[in-house]
Amino acid sequence: MSTRPGIRRSGPTCSAGTSPSTPSGRSCHFVNETTRVRDADVERAREEALSGRWEAARELLAVAQRYGRPGAWGMLGQLDVLAQGVRSGSYFGGLVADPRCADELVPVLALAHALRCLPGRPERPFALGAETGDAIRAAADEILARVRDGSYRYAPDGDFGQAVAEAREAARWGDTDGAWRVIRAALPFWTPPAPGLLAPLGLLADPVLGPVVTRERGRELLATPRAGRPGAVPEPVPDLDPPGLSWVAESGRWNAPYGSWRCLWVEGVEPEALPGLVGQGQGQGQDGAAGLTAPPVRPDGWFPHDVRRPGDDSAPWEDRAVVAVGRAGAAGGGTGSGWAFGFDPAVRTHGPGRLFVSPAAGASRGGGRAVVLWIRRGRDDASAMFHLSVAERGAELFAYTLRGTDVERSGTVPEGLDPERVLSGADDGERERRLLVAVQDAYGLSLPRHALVEGILPELTTRSWNRAPREGEVFSYATVTGGRPRT
């Protein structure tokens, strides 16, 4: 296990890696027949948990915890976090004071603290739940800062650490299902750095891998034997990403499907190449890719469009998109597709207007094809809109914009993508799905739902999707500001 940032692995510990007194105030040196039975239950629960029988372990620990037995609080907290998710009540008792445990547990407490601290509100103290030494307190403050700015990385040692690095690279570009398969296969090789640790909890605080470990997967992790223990391997939970694009048209979670969204796919390039093709600048990003930045950390209950904003230096006519960048494939974010994408779920404009210029031509100048989709669902004050443009080798092949039943075209639209043919006999509820299926079938495109919904992909601010007004061309805009009324 990595000791970053500077946590020393020394100092006195109590049974199962706890501090000398329990959260209830009872000394762990008090012994009678009852305490001996409950302490034996704690040790038995540890073996049950590492063997994948976590529910039986939880029952034993719940009883031992009521008696204030050392180790019960910390172990029970670990099981609950993986089974129920990180929340403000996460608590690991005296285990946090053990330097061997801090790298797994402190990041989880830091994440819970960061999620419940809303912007603009007074800062709450970062409580660890136990008395700790100066080294752990200083390391905890540093970990909290890195969790908040998205730079924290879970980096255990050994074979499991290598698997974690491989999984992060897959999830970093959207393949969260592939990332989980890598972690799942490596779980038997995870070894606790201290007796009181039951599972690799540090995964949950990693900004890329944490969203990969859903509650269902957390329970699968708990049910998987670890640290060389024997036991039955659980049935794998189903993958989260559906294939293709049609899922965007289906009812789903709070921010998927989207009321208005646009996406650019570029063939034959890696995601790191998108800033050079469509980016507004060439700055160095968090992970070393020019122009890419880590997604912002969202407090609990915030949607992606609450924190995704372009820069304030845009000209009034400009329409820069802040896109989530990743890899796309026919299987939903696979790594062998040869397409990179940039997805904007929070479009600020109503759709392609008079100044619109598709970024497809510029994005395809490297030689491959580029596809641009822009969809807006119908509302009472506006009809549905569907735009598709395709370019290759720097030149647009065709484009069309469908508004209601009106179509604007340029170039020769392939028969399989022609909206009049694709939408023949379709009702309003079926139109979007049919158009998406036609595009996904024509080019083998997809979008990774889980990575987009969870907001874990790096971001890029593109160049404007509008051109500048030409000389003599009228362009008008309005600026609305808020403030207190004058009295």
Protein backbone atom coordinates (compact mmCIF):
# COMPACT_ATOMS: atom_id res chain seq x y z
CA MET A 1 0.00 0.00 0.00
CA SER A 2 1.33 3.41 -0.87
CA THR A 3 2.21 5.60 2.10
CA ARG A 4 1.54 8.88 0.30
CA PRO A 5 1.34 11.58 1.58
CA GLY A 6 3.89 10.92 4.32
CA ILE A 7 1.97 8.71 6.75
CA ARG A 8 4.43 6.78 8.93
CA ARG A 9 3.69 3.11 9.52
CA SER A 10 4.59 2.86 13.21
CA GLY A 11 3.09 3.38 16.64
CA PRO A 12 1.09 1.38 19.18
CA THR A 13 -2.10 -0.31 18.15
CA CYS A 14 -4.78 -2.23 19.94
CA SER A 15 -6.60 -5.41 18.93
CA ALA A 16 -7.45 -5.43 15.23
CA GLY A 17 -5.65 -2.13 14.70
CA THR A 18 -7.73 0.07 17.01
CA SER A 19 -6.75 2.75 19.48
CA PRO A 20 -6.49 1.86 23.19
CA SER A 21 -10.05 2.90 23.96
CA THR A 22 -13.25 2.27 22.11
CA PRO A 23 -15.70 4.91 20.82
CA SER A 24 -17.94 4.16 23.77
CA GLY A 25 -15.13 5.01 26.18
CA ARG A 26 -14.56 1.46 27.46
CA SER A 27 -10.93 0.43 27.74
CA CYS A 28 -9.98 -2.51 25.56
CA HIS A 29 -7.99 -3.89 28.53
CA PHE A 30 -11.19 -4.71 30.46
CA VAL A 31 -11.73 -8.47 30.20
CA ASN A 32 -14.47 -10.84 31.35
CA GLU A 33 -16.28 -13.80 29.82
CA THR A 34 -18.60 -11.60 27.77
CA THR A 35 -15.77 -9.49 26.31
CA ARG A 36 -13.83 -12.63 25.42
CA VAL A 37 -16.83 -14.00 23.51
CA ARG A 38 -17.42 -10.72 21.68
CA ASP A 39 -13.74 -10.28 20.86
CA ALA A 40 -13.73 -13.78 19.42
CA ASP A 41 -16.76 -12.74 17.35
CA VAL A 42 -14.81 -9.76 16.01
CA GLU A 43 -11.95 -11.99 14.89
CA ARG A 44 -14.40 -14.48 13.41
CA ALA A 45 -16.17 -11.64 11.60
CA ARG A 46 -12.86 -10.55 10.09
CA GLU A 47 -12.33 -14.01 8.60
CA GLU A 48 -15.93 -14.17 7.41
CA ALA A 49 -15.58 -10.77 5.70
CA LEU A 50 -12.30 -11.60 3.96
CA SER A 51 -13.85 -14.89 2.79
CA GLY A 52 -16.72 -13.01 1.12
CA ARG A 53 -19.38 -13.78 3.73
CA TRP A 54 -19.85 -10.13 4.60
CA GLU A 55 -23.48 -10.33 5.73
CA ALA A 56 -22.61 -12.93 8.36
CA ALA A 57 -19.67 -10.76 9.38
CA ARG A 58 -21.92 -7.74 9.73
CA GLU A 59 -24.28 -9.56 12.08
CA LEU A 60 -21.38 -10.53 14.35
CA LEU A 61 -19.92 -7.02 14.29
CA ALA A 62 -23.25 -5.34 15.03
CA VAL A 63 -23.52 -7.27 18.29
CA ALA A 64 -19.86 -6.70 19.20
CA GLN A 65 -20.24 -2.99 18.46
CA ARG A 66 -23.11 -2.71 20.95
CA TYR A 67 -20.71 -4.05 23.57
CA GLY A 68 -18.08 -1.51 22.53
CA ARG A 69 -15.56 -4.16 21.48
CA PRO A 70 -12.34 -2.97 19.84
CA GLY A 71 -12.32 -3.22 16.05
CA ALA A 72 -16.08 -3.69 15.70
CA TRP A 73 -16.81 -0.04 14.91
CA GLY A 74 -14.13 0.25 12.25
CA MET A 75 -14.93 -3.02 10.53
CA LEU A 76 -18.66 -2.37 10.57
CA GLY A 77 -18.08 1.06 9.04
CA GLN A 78 -16.10 -0.46 6.18
CA LEU A 79 -18.83 -2.94 5.34
CA ASP A 80 -21.50 -0.25 5.43
CA VAL A 81 -19.59 2.15 3.17
CA LEU A 82 -19.13 -0.48 0.47
CA ALA A 83 -22.67 -1.82 0.78
CA GLN A 84 -24.45 1.55 1.01
CA GLY A 85 -22.07 4.14 -0.44
CA VAL A 86 -20.06 7.04 0.98
CA ARG A 87 -22.18 9.34 3.11
CA SER A 88 -21.78 11.94 5.82
CA GLY A 89 -22.12 9.40 8.63
CA SER A 90 -19.16 7.28 7.51
CA TYR A 91 -17.16 6.30 10.61
CA PHE A 92 -14.24 3.95 11.18
CA GLY A 93 -13.57 4.37 14.88
CA GLY A 94 -10.01 4.12 16.14
CA LEU A 95 -8.78 2.44 12.95
CA VAL A 96 -8.18 5.92 11.50
CA ALA A 97 -5.45 6.49 14.09
CA ASP A 98 -3.48 3.48 12.83
CA PRO A 99 -0.97 4.73 10.22
CA ARG A 100 -1.30 1.42 8.36
CA CYS A 101 -5.01 2.03 7.83
CA ALA A 102 -5.04 5.74 7.11
CA ASP A 103 -4.33 5.49 3.38
CA GLU A 104 -7.47 3.40 2.90
CA LEU A 105 -9.82 5.15 5.32
CA VAL A 106 -8.89 8.85 5.45
CA PRO A 107 -9.62 9.43 1.72
CA VAL A 108 -13.14 8.07 2.20
CA LEU A 109 -13.74 10.42 5.13
CA ALA A 110 -12.33 13.28 3.04
CA LEU A 111 -14.74 12.48 0.20
CA ALA A 112 -17.72 12.39 2.57
CA HIS A 113 -16.65 15.75 3.99
CA ALA A 114 -16.18 17.34 0.54
CA LEU A 115 -19.55 16.13 -0.72
CA ARG A 116 -21.51 17.62 2.15
CA CYS A 117 -19.77 21.03 2.08
CA LEU A 118 -21.76 23.22 -0.32
CA PRO A 119 -20.08 26.17 -2.04
CA GLY A 120 -20.66 29.48 -0.28
CA ARG A 121 -21.41 27.85 3.06
CA PRO A 122 -19.12 28.16 6.13
CA GLU A 123 -16.40 25.53 6.19
CA ARG A 124 -17.00 22.67 8.60
CA PRO A 125 -14.12 21.09 10.52
CA PHE A 126 -12.76 17.93 8.90
CA ALA A 127 -13.39 15.38 11.65
CA LEU A 128 -11.65 12.01 11.49
CA GLY A 129 -13.71 10.49 14.30
CA ALA A 130 -10.75 9.55 16.48
CA GLU A 131 -7.70 11.12 18.10
CA THR A 132 -4.77 10.97 15.70
CA GLY A 133 -1.14 11.95 15.66
CA ASP A 134 0.20 15.04 13.95
CA ALA A 135 1.45 13.05 10.93
CA ILE A 136 -1.98 11.60 10.19
CA ARG A 137 -3.71 14.94 10.76
CA ALA A 138 -1.35 16.70 8.33
CA ALA A 139 -1.73 13.90 5.77
CA ALA A 140 -5.51 14.04 6.16
CA ASP A 141 -5.58 17.76 5.35
CA GLU A 142 -3.47 17.15 2.24
CA ILE A 143 -5.70 14.27 1.16
CA LEU A 144 -8.80 16.43 1.61
CA ALA A 145 -7.29 19.13 -0.62
CA ARG A 146 -6.55 16.57 -3.36
CA VAL A 147 -9.99 14.99 -3.10
CA ARG A 148 -11.56 18.43 -3.49
CA ASP A 149 -9.55 19.42 -6.57
CA GLY A 150 -9.90 16.00 -8.22
CA SER A 151 -6.19 15.15 -8.11
CA TYR A 152 -6.38 12.32 -5.55
CA ARG A 153 -5.27 8.94 -6.91
CA TYR A 154 -5.67 5.64 -5.13
CA ALA A 155 -2.33 3.86 -5.59
CA PRO A 156 -1.88 0.63 -3.61
CA ASP A 157 1.24 -1.48 -4.02
CA GLY A 158 1.75 -4.86 -5.65
CA ASP A 159 -0.30 -6.75 -8.20
CA PHE A 160 -3.53 -5.17 -7.04
CA GLY A 161 -1.99 -1.73 -7.49
CA GLN A 162 -1.07 -2.57 -11.08
CA ALA A 163 -4.65 -3.64 -11.73
CA VAL A 164 -5.93 -0.38 -10.22
CA ALA A 165 -3.72 1.64 -12.58
CA GLU A 166 -4.95 -0.39 -15.57
CA ALA A 167 -8.58 0.05 -14.50
CA ARG A 168 -8.15 3.81 -14.09
CA GLU A 169 -6.81 4.16 -17.63
CA ALA A 170 -9.88 2.34 -18.97
CA ALA A 171 -12.38 4.28 -16.83
CA ARG A 172 -10.61 7.57 -17.51
CA TRP A 173 -11.90 7.48 -21.11
CA GLY A 174 -15.33 6.01 -20.36
CA ASP A 175 -14.94 2.22 -20.22
CA THR A 176 -16.20 1.82 -16.66
CA ASP A 177 -17.46 -1.72 -17.28
CA GLY A 178 -14.01 -2.79 -18.50
CA ALA A 179 -12.44 -1.08 -15.51
CA TRP A 180 -14.65 -3.01 -13.11
CA ARG A 181 -13.77 -6.31 -14.80
CA VAL A 182 -10.08 -5.57 -14.20
CA ILE A 183 -10.68 -4.74 -10.53
CA ARG A 184 -12.95 -7.74 -10.07
CA ALA A 185 -10.29 -10.11 -11.40
CA ALA A 186 -7.65 -8.62 -9.09
CA LEU A 187 -9.67 -8.61 -5.84
CA PRO A 188 -8.41 -12.04 -4.64
CA PHE A 189 -4.87 -10.61 -4.71
CA TRP A 190 -5.66 -7.64 -2.47
CA THR A 191 -3.94 -7.97 0.91
CA PRO A 192 -4.84 -5.78 3.91
CA PRO A 193 -1.90 -3.71 5.18
CA ALA A 194 -3.32 -4.00 8.72
CA PRO A 195 -5.49 -6.63 10.44
CA GLY A 196 -8.45 -4.27 10.86
CA LEU A 197 -8.85 -3.58 7.14
CA LEU A 198 -11.36 -5.67 5.23
CA ALA A 199 -11.39 -4.25 1.68
CA PRO A 200 -9.71 -1.69 -0.62
CA LEU A 201 -11.84 1.27 0.45
CA GLY A 202 -9.46 3.80 -1.10
CA LEU A 203 -11.05 2.99 -4.46
CA LEU A 204 -14.15 4.93 -3.42
CA ALA A 205 -12.30 8.24 -3.05
CA ASP A 206 -10.54 8.08 -6.43
CA PRO A 207 -12.39 10.57 -8.70
CA VAL A 208 -12.19 8.19 -11.67
CA LEU A 209 -12.59 4.79 -10.00
CA GLY A 210 -14.94 5.77 -7.19
CA PRO A 211 -17.99 6.08 -9.48
CA VAL A 212 -17.07 2.71 -11.01
CA VAL A 213 -17.74 1.02 -7.65
CA THR A 214 -21.51 1.38 -7.48
CA ARG A 215 -23.44 0.02 -4.50
CA GLU A 216 -24.16 -3.19 -6.40
CA ARG A 217 -20.50 -3.56 -7.24
CA GLY A 218 -19.54 -2.67 -3.68
CA ARG A 219 -21.59 -5.63 -2.50
CA GLU A 220 -19.99 -7.81 -5.18
CA LEU A 221 -16.60 -6.72 -3.88
CA LEU A 222 -17.60 -7.64 -0.34
CA ALA A 223 -18.84 -11.04 -1.53
CA THR A 224 -15.53 -11.80 -3.31
CA PRO A 225 -12.92 -13.70 -1.24
CA ARG A 226 -9.79 -11.60 -0.69
CA ALA A 227 -6.33 -11.88 0.82
CA GLY A 228 -5.96 -15.54 -0.14
CA ARG A 229 -9.11 -16.66 1.68
CA PRO A 230 -11.17 -19.50 0.19
CA GLY A 231 -14.79 -18.99 -0.74
CA ALA A 232 -17.35 -19.00 -3.52
CA VAL A 233 -17.02 -16.31 -6.18
CA PRO A 234 -20.25 -14.29 -6.50
CA GLU A 235 -22.25 -13.94 -9.68
CA PRO A 236 -20.93 -10.84 -11.52
CA VAL A 237 -23.28 -7.88 -11.51
CA PRO A 238 -24.44 -6.85 -15.00
CA ASP A 239 -22.56 -4.23 -17.01
CA LEU A 240 -23.93 -0.70 -16.77
CA ASP A 241 -23.42 0.64 -20.30
CA PRO A 242 -25.91 -0.31 -23.01
CA PRO A 243 -24.54 -0.53 -26.55
CA GLY A 244 -24.91 2.21 -29.13
CA LEU A 245 -26.76 5.51 -28.84
CA SER A 246 -30.42 4.64 -28.52
CA TRP A 247 -30.24 4.72 -24.69
CA VAL A 248 -30.09 8.52 -24.86
CA ALA A 249 -33.69 8.54 -26.16
CA GLU A 250 -34.97 6.34 -23.33
CA SER A 251 -36.21 7.36 -19.90
CA GLY A 252 -33.44 7.18 -17.36
CA ARG A 253 -31.78 8.91 -14.45
CA TRP A 254 -32.07 12.57 -13.50
CA ASN A 255 -29.64 13.80 -16.13
CA ALA A 256 -30.04 11.13 -18.81
CA PRO A 257 -31.65 11.43 -21.23
CA TYR A 258 -30.87 15.08 -21.80
CA GLY A 259 -33.27 17.77 -23.01
CA SER A 260 -30.62 19.14 -25.36
CA TRP A 261 -27.19 17.74 -26.13
CA ARG A 262 -24.53 17.66 -28.82
CA CYS A 263 -21.60 15.41 -29.53
CA LEU A 264 -18.61 15.19 -31.84
CA TRP A 265 -16.95 11.87 -32.76
CA VAL A 266 -13.59 11.71 -34.55
CA GLU A 267 -12.36 8.51 -36.16
CA GLY A 268 -8.82 7.17 -35.87
CA VAL A 269 -7.60 9.41 -33.04
CA GLU A 270 -7.10 9.05 -29.32
CA PRO A 271 -8.97 11.38 -26.93
CA GLU A 272 -5.77 13.31 -26.20
CA ALA A 273 -5.77 14.51 -29.83
CA LEU A 274 -9.12 16.34 -29.59
CA PRO A 275 -7.71 19.57 -28.10
CA GLY A 276 -5.44 19.99 -31.12
CA LEU A 277 -8.36 19.42 -33.51
CA VAL A 278 -11.20 21.37 -31.89
CA GLY A 279 -9.89 22.91 -28.66
CA GLN A 280 -9.83 26.62 -27.97
CA GLY A 281 -6.37 26.56 -26.36
CA GLN A 282 -3.32 24.38 -25.81
CA GLY A 283 -2.98 24.48 -22.01
CA GLN A 284 -1.61 21.51 -20.08
CA GLY A 285 -4.29 19.51 -18.27
CA GLN A 286 -4.41 17.55 -15.02
CA ASP A 287 -3.34 14.24 -16.54
CA GLY A 288 -0.72 15.61 -18.92
CA ALA A 289 -2.95 15.90 -22.00
CA ALA A 290 -2.86 19.35 -23.57
CA GLY A 291 -6.13 21.23 -23.20
CA LEU A 292 -7.88 18.60 -21.06
CA THR A 293 -8.88 19.31 -17.48
CA ALA A 294 -10.28 17.14 -14.72
CA PRO A 295 -14.06 17.37 -14.27
CA PRO A 296 -15.13 19.54 -11.33
CA VAL A 297 -15.97 17.88 -8.03
CA ARG A 298 -19.74 18.07 -7.58
CA PRO A 299 -21.34 18.36 -4.14
CA ASP A 300 -24.15 15.92 -3.38
CA GLY A 301 -27.25 16.59 -5.46
CA TRP A 302 -25.59 18.82 -8.07
CA PHE A 303 -26.07 18.14 -11.77
CA PRO A 304 -23.30 18.39 -14.41
CA HIS A 305 -24.72 21.61 -15.85
CA ASP A 306 -24.45 23.28 -12.43
CA VAL A 307 -20.65 23.23 -12.59
CA ARG A 308 -19.81 22.96 -16.31
CA ARG A 309 -19.26 26.48 -17.64
CA PRO A 310 -17.17 27.90 -20.50
CA GLY A 311 -14.75 30.74 -19.90
CA ASP A 312 -16.00 34.30 -19.49
CA ASP A 313 -13.84 35.67 -22.31
CA SER A 314 -16.16 34.53 -25.12
CA ALA A 315 -17.36 37.06 -27.66
CA PRO A 316 -21.17 37.50 -27.71
CA TRP A 317 -21.50 35.58 -30.99
CA GLU A 318 -19.34 32.65 -29.87
CA ASP A 319 -20.74 29.27 -28.90
CA ARG A 320 -18.02 27.33 -27.17
CA ALA A 321 -18.89 23.89 -25.87
CA VAL A 322 -17.49 22.35 -22.69
CA VAL A 323 -17.38 18.67 -23.62
CA ALA A 324 -16.62 15.48 -21.72
CA VAL A 325 -13.91 13.63 -23.65
CA GLY A 326 -13.54 9.87 -24.02
CA ARG A 327 -13.38 6.82 -26.29
CA ALA A 328 -16.43 5.42 -28.04
CA GLY A 329 -17.21 2.05 -29.53
CA ALA A 330 -20.07 -0.13 -30.61
CA ALA A 331 -20.07 -1.91 -27.26
CA GLY A 332 -20.48 1.23 -25.17
CA GLY A 333 -17.12 2.80 -24.47
CA GLY A 334 -14.82 -0.03 -25.58
CA THR A 335 -11.16 0.65 -26.25
CA GLY A 336 -10.84 -0.85 -29.73
CA SER A 337 -13.26 1.31 -31.69
CA GLY A 338 -10.93 3.96 -33.05
CA TRP A 339 -13.33 6.83 -32.25
CA ALA A 340 -12.83 9.64 -29.75
CA PHE A 341 -15.75 11.79 -28.65
CA GLY A 342 -16.57 15.09 -27.00
CA PHE A 343 -20.04 15.26 -25.41
CA ASP A 344 -21.83 18.43 -24.27
CA PRO A 345 -24.86 17.68 -22.05
CA ALA A 346 -25.59 21.30 -21.16
CA VAL A 347 -26.04 23.17 -24.42
CA ARG A 348 -26.72 26.85 -23.76
CA THR A 349 -28.09 27.67 -27.22
CA HIS A 350 -31.35 26.50 -28.82
CA GLY A 351 -29.70 24.82 -31.79
CA PRO A 352 -27.72 25.53 -34.96
CA GLY A 353 -28.46 29.10 -36.06
CA ARG A 354 -27.50 31.41 -38.89
CA LEU A 355 -23.85 31.60 -37.77
CA PHE A 356 -23.44 27.88 -37.04
CA VAL A 357 -20.46 26.09 -38.59
CA SER A 358 -20.18 22.38 -37.81
CA PRO A 359 -16.82 21.44 -36.24
CA ALA A 360 -16.84 18.17 -38.20
CA ALA A 361 -14.72 19.48 -41.10
CA GLY A 362 -11.97 20.84 -38.84
CA ALA A 363 -11.99 17.74 -36.65
CA SER A 364 -11.55 15.43 -39.68
CA ARG A 365 -8.51 17.17 -41.11
CA GLY A 366 -6.30 14.41 -39.73
CA GLY A 367 -7.68 12.03 -42.34
CA GLY A 368 -10.48 10.13 -40.60
CA ARG A 369 -14.18 10.82 -40.51
CA ALA A 370 -15.90 13.12 -38.04
CA VAL A 371 -19.56 13.02 -37.04
CA VAL A 372 -21.52 15.76 -35.28
CA LEU A 373 -24.93 15.21 -33.69
CA TRP A 374 -27.04 17.91 -32.06
CA ILE A 375 -30.43 17.02 -30.59
CA ARG A 376 -33.00 19.17 -28.84
CA ARG A 377 -36.23 17.70 -27.59
CA GLY A 378 -39.48 19.45 -28.36
CA ARG A 379 -41.10 21.81 -25.87
CA ASP A 380 -44.25 23.90 -25.85
CA ASP A 381 -42.34 26.89 -27.21
CA ALA A 382 -40.05 25.07 -29.66
CA SER A 383 -40.21 22.03 -31.93
CA ALA A 384 -37.75 19.17 -31.72
CA MET A 385 -34.47 19.60 -33.61
CA PHE A 386 -32.01 17.03 -34.98
CA HIS A 387 -28.76 17.99 -36.71
CA LEU A 388 -26.28 15.60 -38.34
CA SER A 389 -23.11 16.54 -40.20
CA VAL A 390 -20.33 14.25 -41.43
CA ALA A 391 -16.92 15.21 -42.78
CA GLU A 392 -13.80 13.42 -43.97
CA ARG A 393 -10.25 14.64 -44.65
CA GLY A 394 -11.15 18.20 -43.79
CA ALA A 395 -14.21 18.50 -46.06
CA GLU A 396 -17.88 18.20 -45.16
CA LEU A 397 -19.57 15.30 -46.96
CA PHE A 398 -23.17 16.13 -46.05
CA ALA A 399 -25.31 17.72 -43.37
CA TYR A 400 -28.94 18.20 -42.52
CA THR A 401 -30.95 19.91 -39.80
CA LEU A 402 -34.45 18.63 -39.08
CA ARG A 403 -36.84 20.99 -37.27
CA GLY A 404 -40.25 19.43 -36.85
CA THR A 405 -40.96 18.23 -40.40
CA ASP A 406 -38.76 20.85 -42.15
CA VAL A 407 -35.35 19.69 -43.38
CA GLU A 408 -32.37 21.79 -44.48
CA ARG A 409 -29.77 19.78 -46.44
CA SER A 410 -26.36 20.11 -47.96
CA GLY A 411 -24.46 17.42 -49.85
CA THR A 412 -25.78 13.96 -50.60
CA VAL A 413 -27.30 12.28 -47.54
CA PRO A 414 -26.88 8.45 -47.61
CA GLU A 415 -30.16 6.56 -47.95
CA GLY A 416 -29.77 4.86 -44.57
CA LEU A 417 -29.53 8.26 -42.85
CA ASP A 418 -32.11 10.19 -44.86
CA PRO A 419 -34.62 11.50 -42.29
CA GLU A 420 -37.60 11.10 -44.62
CA ARG A 421 -36.82 7.40 -45.04
CA VAL A 422 -35.76 6.75 -41.44
CA LEU A 423 -38.81 8.48 -39.95
CA SER A 424 -41.41 7.06 -42.29
CA GLY A 425 -44.38 5.99 -40.15
CA ALA A 426 -42.74 7.03 -36.85
CA ASP A 427 -44.71 8.84 -34.18
CA ASP A 428 -43.25 11.70 -32.13
CA GLY A 429 -42.04 9.42 -29.36
CA GLU A 430 -40.15 7.18 -31.79
CA ARG A 431 -38.45 9.80 -33.96
CA GLU A 432 -35.39 10.45 -31.80
CA ARG A 433 -34.70 6.77 -31.19
CA ARG A 434 -34.93 5.91 -34.89
CA LEU A 435 -32.55 8.68 -35.89
CA LEU A 436 -30.04 7.66 -33.21
CA VAL A 437 -30.19 4.01 -34.26
CA ALA A 438 -29.60 5.00 -37.89
CA VAL A 439 -26.47 6.95 -36.92
CA GLN A 440 -25.10 4.28 -34.58
CA ASP A 441 -25.61 1.57 -37.21
CA ALA A 442 -24.00 3.63 -39.97
CA TYR A 443 -20.81 4.43 -38.05
CA GLY A 444 -20.68 2.02 -35.10
CA LEU A 445 -20.91 4.87 -32.60
CA SER A 446 -21.77 4.75 -28.93
CA LEU A 447 -21.61 6.80 -25.75
CA PRO A 448 -20.65 5.45 -22.29
CA ARG A 449 -23.70 6.20 -20.17
CA HIS A 450 -22.26 5.58 -16.71
CA ALA A 451 -19.16 7.73 -17.18
CA LEU A 452 -21.27 10.59 -18.55
CA VAL A 453 -23.92 10.38 -15.85
CA GLU A 454 -21.31 10.31 -13.09
CA GLY A 455 -19.25 13.13 -14.61
CA ILE A 456 -15.85 11.39 -14.42
CA LEU A 457 -14.45 12.16 -17.89
CA PRO A 458 -11.85 14.88 -18.54
CA GLU A 459 -13.19 18.03 -20.14
CA LEU A 460 -12.30 20.29 -23.03
CA THR A 461 -13.51 23.73 -24.05
CA THR A 462 -13.90 23.73 -27.83
CA ARG A 463 -13.58 26.51 -30.32
CA SER A 464 -16.81 28.26 -31.16
CA TRP A 465 -19.47 26.34 -33.07
CA ASN A 466 -20.51 29.72 -34.53
CA ARG A 467 -18.50 31.82 -36.99
CA ALA A 468 -17.94 35.53 -36.48
CA PRO A 469 -20.46 37.89 -38.13
CA ARG A 470 -19.25 39.12 -41.50
CA GLU A 471 -18.88 42.78 -42.39
CA GLY A 472 -22.29 44.36 -42.66
CA GLU A 473 -24.01 41.35 -41.07
CA VAL A 474 -26.36 42.24 -38.23
CA PHE A 475 -25.92 40.36 -34.96
CA SER A 476 -27.88 41.16 -31.80
CA TYR A 477 -27.77 39.80 -28.28
CA ALA A 478 -29.11 40.59 -24.82
CA THR A 479 -27.44 40.39 -21.43
CA VAL A 480 -29.54 39.76 -18.34
CA THR A 481 -28.12 40.49 -14.90
CA GLY A 482 -29.67 40.19 -11.47
CA GLY A 483 -29.40 42.39 -8.41
CA ARG A 484 -31.29 43.90 -5.54
CA PRO A 485 -34.01 46.38 -6.49
CA ARG A 486 -33.39 49.99 -5.63
CA THR A 487 -35.43 51.53 -2.84
